[in-house]
Amino acid sequence: MDTDLDRLRMIDLGKASALSRDAVEPLVQKGWVDAMADTYLITIPGRTVIERYTAARA
């Protein structure tokens, strides 16, 4: 799951171009990200994951 969180954070930080479609697919399957062509949008569940991860590290 750490890898998924790292990838989700990369999308959040605007570094999605460094990720392949195969790397993002698990996030899409979990419902954390919507993919449209080469654009990745973090969903509300994905945003919740980021917020929980950030709060746990604080």
C-alpha atoms as a PDB file:
ATOM      1  CA  MET A   1       0.000   0.000   0.000  1.00  0.00           C
ATOM      2  CA  ASP A   2       2.932   2.353   0.519  1.00  0.00           C
ATOM      3  CA  THR A   3       3.581   2.295  -3.211  1.00  0.00           C
ATOM      4  CA  ASP A   4      -0.042   3.197  -3.912  1.00  0.00           C
ATOM      5  CA  LEU A   5       0.131   6.060  -1.425  1.00  0.00           C
ATOM      6  CA  ASP A   6       3.356   7.322  -2.979  1.00  0.00           C
ATOM      7  CA  ARG A   7       1.769   7.276  -6.421  1.00  0.00           C
ATOM      8  CA  LEU A   8      -1.375   8.980  -5.166  1.00  0.00           C
ATOM      9  CA  ARG A   9       0.739  11.694  -3.570  1.00  0.00           C
ATOM     10  CA  MET A  10       2.680  12.152  -6.816  1.00  0.00           C
ATOM     11  CA  ILE A  11      -0.600  12.810  -8.619  1.00  0.00           C
ATOM     12  CA  ASP A  12      -1.628  15.192  -5.854  1.00  0.00           C
ATOM     13  CA  LEU A  13       1.661  17.080  -6.205  1.00  0.00           C
ATOM     14  CA  GLY A  14       1.232  17.416  -9.966  1.00  0.00           C
ATOM     15  CA  LYS A  15       3.879  14.841 -10.866  1.00  0.00           C
ATOM     16  CA  ALA A  16       1.547  12.415 -12.621  1.00  0.00           C
ATOM     17  CA  SER A  17       3.541  12.668 -15.849  1.00  0.00           C
ATOM     18  CA  ALA A  18       6.267  10.601 -14.169  1.00  0.00           C
ATOM     19  CA  LEU A  19       3.830   7.692 -13.757  1.00  0.00           C
ATOM     20  CA  SER A  20       2.913   5.132 -16.383  1.00  0.00           C
ATOM     21  CA  ARG A  21      -0.681   4.137 -17.017  1.00  0.00           C
ATOM     22  CA  ASP A  22       0.134   0.714 -15.513  1.00  0.00           C
ATOM     23  CA  ALA A  23       1.345   2.396 -12.322  1.00  0.00           C
ATOM     24  CA  VAL A  24      -1.909   4.355 -11.973  1.00  0.00           C
ATOM     25  CA  GLU A  25      -4.269   1.494 -12.830  1.00  0.00           C
ATOM     26  CA  PRO A  26      -4.329   0.056  -9.258  1.00  0.00           C
ATOM     27  CA  LEU A  27      -5.412   3.498  -8.002  1.00  0.00           C
ATOM     28  CA  VAL A  28      -8.185   3.602 -10.581  1.00  0.00           C
ATOM     29  CA  GLN A  29      -9.315   0.110  -9.559  1.00  0.00           C
ATOM     30  CA  LYS A  30      -9.482   1.214  -5.903  1.00  0.00           C
ATOM     31  CA  GLY A  31     -11.571   4.242  -6.868  1.00  0.00           C
ATOM     32  CA  TRP A  32      -8.937   6.703  -5.679  1.00  0.00           C
ATOM     33  CA  VAL A  33      -8.292   8.175  -9.122  1.00  0.00           C
ATOM     34  CA  ASP A  34     -10.276   8.731 -12.317  1.00  0.00           C
ATOM     35  CA  ALA A  35      -8.251   8.528 -15.515  1.00  0.00           C
ATOM     36  CA  MET A  36      -9.156  10.436 -18.663  1.00  0.00           C
ATOM     37  CA  ALA A  37      -6.582   9.976 -21.412  1.00  0.00           C
ATOM     38  CA  ASP A  38      -3.346  11.145 -19.765  1.00  0.00           C
ATOM     39  CA  THR A  39      -5.104  13.184 -17.079  1.00  0.00           C
ATOM     40  CA  TYR A  40      -5.577  11.772 -13.597  1.00  0.00           C
ATOM     41  CA  LEU A  41      -8.110  13.222 -11.178  1.00  0.00           C
ATOM     42  CA  ILE A  42      -8.112  12.309  -7.506  1.00  0.00           C
ATOM     43  CA  THR A  43     -11.587  11.266  -6.375  1.00  0.00           C
ATOM     44  CA  ILE A  44     -13.164  12.075  -3.034  1.00  0.00           C
ATOM     45  CA  PRO A  45     -12.169   8.652  -1.643  1.00  0.00           C
ATOM     46  CA  GLY A  46      -8.632   9.281  -2.895  1.00  0.00           C
ATOM     47  CA  ARG A  47      -8.578  12.669  -1.215  1.00  0.00           C
ATOM     48  CA  THR A  48      -9.728  11.021   2.022  1.00  0.00           C
ATOM     49  CA  VAL A  49      -6.835   8.547   1.805  1.00  0.00           C
ATOM     50  CA  ILE A  50      -4.364  11.415   1.392  1.00  0.00           C
ATOM     51  CA  GLU A  51      -5.850  13.332   4.324  1.00  0.00           C
ATOM     52  CA  ARG A  52      -5.758  10.300   6.612  1.00  0.00           C
ATOM     53  CA  TYR A  53      -2.189   9.504   5.583  1.00  0.00           C
ATOM     54  CA  THR A  54      -1.133  13.108   6.227  1.00  0.00           C
ATOM     55  CA  ALA A  55      -2.901  13.213   9.602  1.00  0.00           C
ATOM     56  CA  ALA A  56      -1.302   9.920  10.679  1.00  0.00           C
ATOM     57  CA  ARG A  57       2.166  11.255   9.899  1.00  0.00           C
ATOM     58  CA  ALA A  58       1.606  14.516  11.815  1.00  0.00           C
END
